[in-house]
N, C-alpha and C. Protein backbone atom coordinates (compact mmCIF):
# COMPACT_ATOMS: atom_id res chain seq x y z
N MET A 1 25.69 -77.23 2.99
CA MET A 1 27.02 -76.82 2.62
C MET A 1 27.40 -77.42 1.27
N LYS A 2 26.97 -78.65 1.04
CA LYS A 2 27.33 -79.33 -0.21
C LYS A 2 26.73 -78.64 -1.43
N ARG A 3 25.64 -77.93 -1.23
CA ARG A 3 24.96 -77.27 -2.35
C ARG A 3 25.41 -75.83 -2.55
N GLY A 4 26.42 -75.40 -1.81
CA GLY A 4 26.99 -74.09 -2.06
C GLY A 4 26.61 -72.98 -1.11
N MET A 5 26.23 -73.32 0.11
CA MET A 5 25.82 -72.30 1.07
C MET A 5 26.93 -71.29 1.34
N LEU A 6 28.14 -71.78 1.54
CA LEU A 6 29.26 -70.88 1.85
C LEU A 6 29.53 -69.93 0.68
N GLY A 7 29.55 -70.45 -0.52
CA GLY A 7 29.76 -69.61 -1.71
C GLY A 7 28.70 -68.54 -1.84
N GLU A 8 27.45 -68.93 -1.57
CA GLU A 8 26.35 -67.95 -1.63
C GLU A 8 26.54 -66.85 -0.60
N CYS A 9 26.93 -67.23 0.61
CA CYS A 9 27.15 -66.23 1.68
C CYS A 9 28.27 -65.27 1.30
N LEU A 10 29.37 -65.82 0.80
CA LEU A 10 30.50 -64.98 0.42
C LEU A 10 30.13 -64.04 -0.73
N GLU A 11 29.42 -64.56 -1.71
CA GLU A 11 29.01 -63.74 -2.86
C GLU A 11 28.03 -62.65 -2.43
N PHE A 12 27.08 -63.01 -1.57
CA PHE A 12 26.10 -62.04 -1.09
C PHE A 12 26.80 -60.91 -0.35
N ARG A 13 27.74 -61.28 0.53
CA ARG A 13 28.49 -60.26 1.28
C ARG A 13 29.25 -59.34 0.34
N LYS A 14 29.90 -59.92 -0.66
CA LYS A 14 30.67 -59.13 -1.63
C LYS A 14 29.76 -58.13 -2.35
N GLN A 15 28.63 -58.60 -2.84
CA GLN A 15 27.71 -57.71 -3.55
C GLN A 15 27.14 -56.64 -2.62
N TRP A 16 26.85 -57.02 -1.37
CA TRP A 16 26.31 -56.07 -0.40
C TRP A 16 27.31 -54.94 -0.16
N ILE A 17 28.58 -55.28 0.02
CA ILE A 17 29.62 -54.28 0.27
C ILE A 17 29.85 -53.41 -0.97
N GLU A 18 29.78 -54.02 -2.16
CA GLU A 18 29.96 -53.25 -3.39
C GLU A 18 28.89 -52.18 -3.53
N CYS A 19 27.73 -52.41 -2.97
CA CYS A 19 26.65 -51.42 -3.01
C CYS A 19 26.83 -50.37 -1.91
N ARG A 20 27.96 -50.46 -1.22
CA ARG A 20 28.31 -49.55 -0.13
C ARG A 20 27.26 -49.55 1.00
N LYS A 21 26.76 -50.73 1.27
CA LYS A 21 25.80 -50.86 2.36
C LYS A 21 26.52 -51.39 3.59
N VAL A 22 26.10 -50.92 4.74
CA VAL A 22 26.68 -51.34 6.00
C VAL A 22 26.04 -52.66 6.42
N ILE A 23 26.87 -53.59 6.90
CA ILE A 23 26.35 -54.87 7.38
C ILE A 23 25.87 -54.69 8.81
N GLU A 24 24.59 -54.96 9.03
CA GLU A 24 23.98 -54.87 10.35
C GLU A 24 23.33 -56.21 10.64
N PHE A 25 23.99 -57.04 11.45
CA PHE A 25 23.51 -58.38 11.70
C PHE A 25 22.20 -58.43 12.50
N GLN A 26 21.82 -57.33 13.11
CA GLN A 26 20.59 -57.31 13.89
C GLN A 26 19.37 -56.90 13.07
N ASN A 27 19.58 -56.54 11.79
CA ASN A 27 18.48 -56.05 10.96
C ASN A 27 18.40 -56.78 9.63
N GLY A 28 17.19 -56.87 9.13
CA GLY A 28 16.95 -57.30 7.76
C GLY A 28 17.50 -58.64 7.36
N ILE A 29 17.99 -58.69 6.13
CA ILE A 29 18.43 -59.93 5.51
C ILE A 29 19.56 -60.60 6.27
N TRP A 30 20.33 -59.85 7.02
CA TRP A 30 21.48 -60.43 7.73
C TRP A 30 21.05 -61.31 8.89
N GLN A 31 19.76 -61.36 9.20
CA GLN A 31 19.28 -62.25 10.25
C GLN A 31 19.02 -63.66 9.73
N VAL A 32 19.08 -63.85 8.44
CA VAL A 32 18.88 -65.16 7.85
C VAL A 32 19.93 -66.12 8.39
N ILE A 33 19.51 -67.33 8.72
CA ILE A 33 20.47 -68.31 9.22
C ILE A 33 21.52 -68.57 8.16
N GLY A 34 22.76 -68.43 8.54
CA GLY A 34 23.87 -68.65 7.63
C GLY A 34 24.71 -67.41 7.44
N LEU A 35 24.09 -66.28 7.25
CA LEU A 35 24.86 -65.07 7.00
C LEU A 35 25.60 -64.60 8.24
N LYS A 36 24.88 -64.43 9.33
CA LYS A 36 25.53 -63.91 10.54
C LYS A 36 26.49 -64.94 11.14
N GLU A 37 26.18 -66.24 10.97
CA GLU A 37 27.06 -67.26 11.52
C GLU A 37 28.42 -67.29 10.83
N PHE A 38 28.46 -66.87 9.57
CA PHE A 38 29.71 -66.87 8.83
C PHE A 38 30.49 -65.55 8.94
N ALA A 39 30.05 -64.65 9.79
CA ALA A 39 30.71 -63.35 9.94
C ALA A 39 32.19 -63.51 10.28
N ASN A 40 32.52 -64.40 11.20
CA ASN A 40 33.93 -64.61 11.57
C ASN A 40 34.73 -65.14 10.39
N TYR A 41 34.11 -66.00 9.60
CA TYR A 41 34.82 -66.57 8.45
C TYR A 41 35.08 -65.52 7.38
N PHE A 42 34.19 -64.52 7.27
CA PHE A 42 34.42 -63.45 6.30
C PHE A 42 35.74 -62.75 6.58
N GLU A 43 36.09 -62.64 7.86
CA GLU A 43 37.30 -61.92 8.26
C GLU A 43 38.53 -62.83 8.37
N ASP A 44 38.32 -64.09 8.70
CA ASP A 44 39.43 -65.02 8.95
C ASP A 44 39.10 -66.36 8.30
N GLN A 45 39.55 -66.56 7.07
CA GLN A 45 39.12 -67.71 6.29
C GLN A 45 40.02 -68.94 6.50
N ARG A 46 40.11 -69.35 7.75
CA ARG A 46 40.83 -70.58 8.09
C ARG A 46 39.82 -71.72 8.27
N ASP A 47 40.29 -72.96 8.09
CA ASP A 47 39.41 -74.12 8.22
C ASP A 47 38.80 -74.24 9.61
N GLU A 48 39.58 -73.90 10.64
CA GLU A 48 39.06 -74.00 12.02
C GLU A 48 37.88 -73.05 12.21
N VAL A 49 38.01 -71.85 11.67
CA VAL A 49 36.93 -70.85 11.79
C VAL A 49 35.72 -71.33 11.00
N LEU A 50 35.95 -71.88 9.82
CA LEU A 50 34.85 -72.40 9.00
C LEU A 50 34.10 -73.49 9.75
N ASN A 51 34.81 -74.41 10.38
CA ASN A 51 34.16 -75.49 11.13
C ASN A 51 33.32 -74.95 12.28
N GLU A 52 33.83 -73.92 12.97
CA GLU A 52 33.05 -73.29 14.04
C GLU A 52 31.77 -72.66 13.48
N CYS A 53 31.88 -72.02 12.33
CA CYS A 53 30.73 -71.38 11.70
C CYS A 53 29.68 -72.42 11.28
N ILE A 54 30.14 -73.53 10.75
CA ILE A 54 29.22 -74.60 10.35
C ILE A 54 28.47 -75.13 11.56
N GLU A 55 29.17 -75.31 12.68
CA GLU A 55 28.51 -75.77 13.90
C GLU A 55 27.49 -74.75 14.39
N LEU A 56 27.80 -73.47 14.26
CA LEU A 56 26.83 -72.43 14.63
C LEU A 56 25.57 -72.50 13.76
N VAL A 57 25.76 -72.72 12.46
CA VAL A 57 24.61 -72.83 11.55
C VAL A 57 23.75 -74.02 11.97
N LYS A 58 24.37 -75.14 12.25
CA LYS A 58 23.62 -76.34 12.67
C LYS A 58 22.85 -76.07 13.95
N ARG A 59 23.53 -75.48 14.94
CA ARG A 59 22.90 -75.20 16.23
C ARG A 59 21.72 -74.24 16.08
N ASN A 60 21.94 -73.16 15.34
CA ASN A 60 20.89 -72.15 15.20
C ASN A 60 19.73 -72.65 14.35
N THR A 61 20.01 -73.52 13.37
CA THR A 61 18.94 -74.12 12.58
C THR A 61 18.07 -75.01 13.45
N LEU A 62 18.71 -75.81 14.31
CA LEU A 62 17.96 -76.67 15.21
C LEU A 62 17.13 -75.86 16.19
N ARG A 63 17.70 -74.80 16.74
CA ARG A 63 16.94 -73.92 17.65
C ARG A 63 15.72 -73.33 16.96
N TYR A 64 15.91 -72.87 15.72
CA TYR A 64 14.81 -72.27 14.98
C TYR A 64 13.72 -73.30 14.70
N ALA A 65 14.12 -74.51 14.34
CA ALA A 65 13.13 -75.56 14.07
C ALA A 65 12.34 -75.88 15.34
N LYS A 66 13.01 -75.98 16.47
CA LYS A 66 12.32 -76.25 17.73
C LYS A 66 11.36 -75.12 18.09
N LYS A 67 11.78 -73.89 17.83
CA LYS A 67 10.92 -72.74 18.10
C LYS A 67 9.66 -72.79 17.23
N GLN A 68 9.82 -73.15 15.97
CA GLN A 68 8.67 -73.28 15.07
C GLN A 68 7.73 -74.38 15.53
N ILE A 69 8.28 -75.50 15.96
CA ILE A 69 7.44 -76.61 16.44
C ILE A 69 6.66 -76.18 17.67
N ARG A 70 7.30 -75.50 18.61
CA ARG A 70 6.59 -75.01 19.80
C ARG A 70 5.48 -74.05 19.41
N MET A 71 5.76 -73.16 18.47
CA MET A 71 4.76 -72.21 18.03
C MET A 71 3.56 -72.93 17.40
N LEU A 72 3.84 -73.91 16.57
CA LEU A 72 2.75 -74.67 15.95
C LEU A 72 1.96 -75.45 16.99
N ASP A 73 2.66 -76.07 17.93
CA ASP A 73 1.97 -76.81 18.99
C ASP A 73 1.06 -75.89 19.79
N ASN A 74 1.54 -74.71 20.10
CA ASN A 74 0.77 -73.78 20.93
C ASN A 74 -0.37 -73.11 20.17
N SER A 75 -0.21 -72.88 18.88
CA SER A 75 -1.23 -72.13 18.15
C SER A 75 -2.20 -73.01 17.37
N LEU A 76 -1.72 -74.10 16.81
CA LEU A 76 -2.59 -74.93 15.97
C LEU A 76 -3.22 -76.11 16.69
N CYS A 77 -2.46 -76.76 17.54
CA CYS A 77 -2.97 -77.97 18.19
C CYS A 77 -4.24 -77.72 19.01
N PRO A 78 -4.34 -76.62 19.73
CA PRO A 78 -5.59 -76.39 20.46
C PRO A 78 -6.80 -76.23 19.53
N LEU A 79 -6.59 -75.86 18.29
CA LEU A 79 -7.68 -75.67 17.34
C LEU A 79 -8.14 -76.96 16.67
N ILE A 80 -7.29 -77.97 16.73
CA ILE A 80 -7.59 -79.24 16.07
C ILE A 80 -8.34 -80.14 17.04
N ASP A 81 -9.46 -80.66 16.59
CA ASP A 81 -10.24 -81.59 17.39
C ASP A 81 -9.69 -82.99 17.16
N TYR A 82 -9.08 -83.56 18.18
CA TYR A 82 -8.54 -84.90 18.03
C TYR A 82 -9.66 -85.92 18.16
N VAL A 83 -9.68 -86.87 17.25
CA VAL A 83 -10.69 -87.91 17.26
C VAL A 83 -9.98 -89.23 17.52
N LYS A 84 -10.48 -89.96 18.50
CA LYS A 84 -9.90 -91.28 18.78
C LYS A 84 -10.52 -92.28 17.82
N LEU A 85 -9.69 -92.99 17.13
CA LEU A 85 -10.16 -93.99 16.20
C LEU A 85 -9.99 -95.37 16.82
N ASP A 86 -11.01 -96.20 16.60
CA ASP A 86 -10.92 -97.57 17.06
C ASP A 86 -10.22 -98.36 15.95
N VAL A 87 -8.99 -98.72 16.18
CA VAL A 87 -8.23 -99.39 15.15
C VAL A 87 -8.51 -100.89 15.10
N HIS A 88 -9.34 -101.39 16.01
CA HIS A 88 -9.63 -102.82 16.07
C HIS A 88 -10.82 -103.20 15.19
N ASN A 89 -11.56 -102.26 14.70
CA ASN A 89 -12.73 -102.57 13.85
C ASN A 89 -12.44 -102.36 12.41
């Protein structure tokens, strides 16, 4: 947020609408974390709504990170041969 995430989301939405494109949160670029979470703020720009949106971004980012870790554990770890090292020598 400190680096301008909200401003980027608002600007992206503005440019998207200017191109007369329909916002579809279930398709394409709108699935990026941050855009769909700020949908309520686009319509109601109060601080309370912004705080709720920020919490959604945090929650969904954490969920996505956990999903990626599970995927890596399931797909890569079985392929890696673990070697036990004797750390006493």
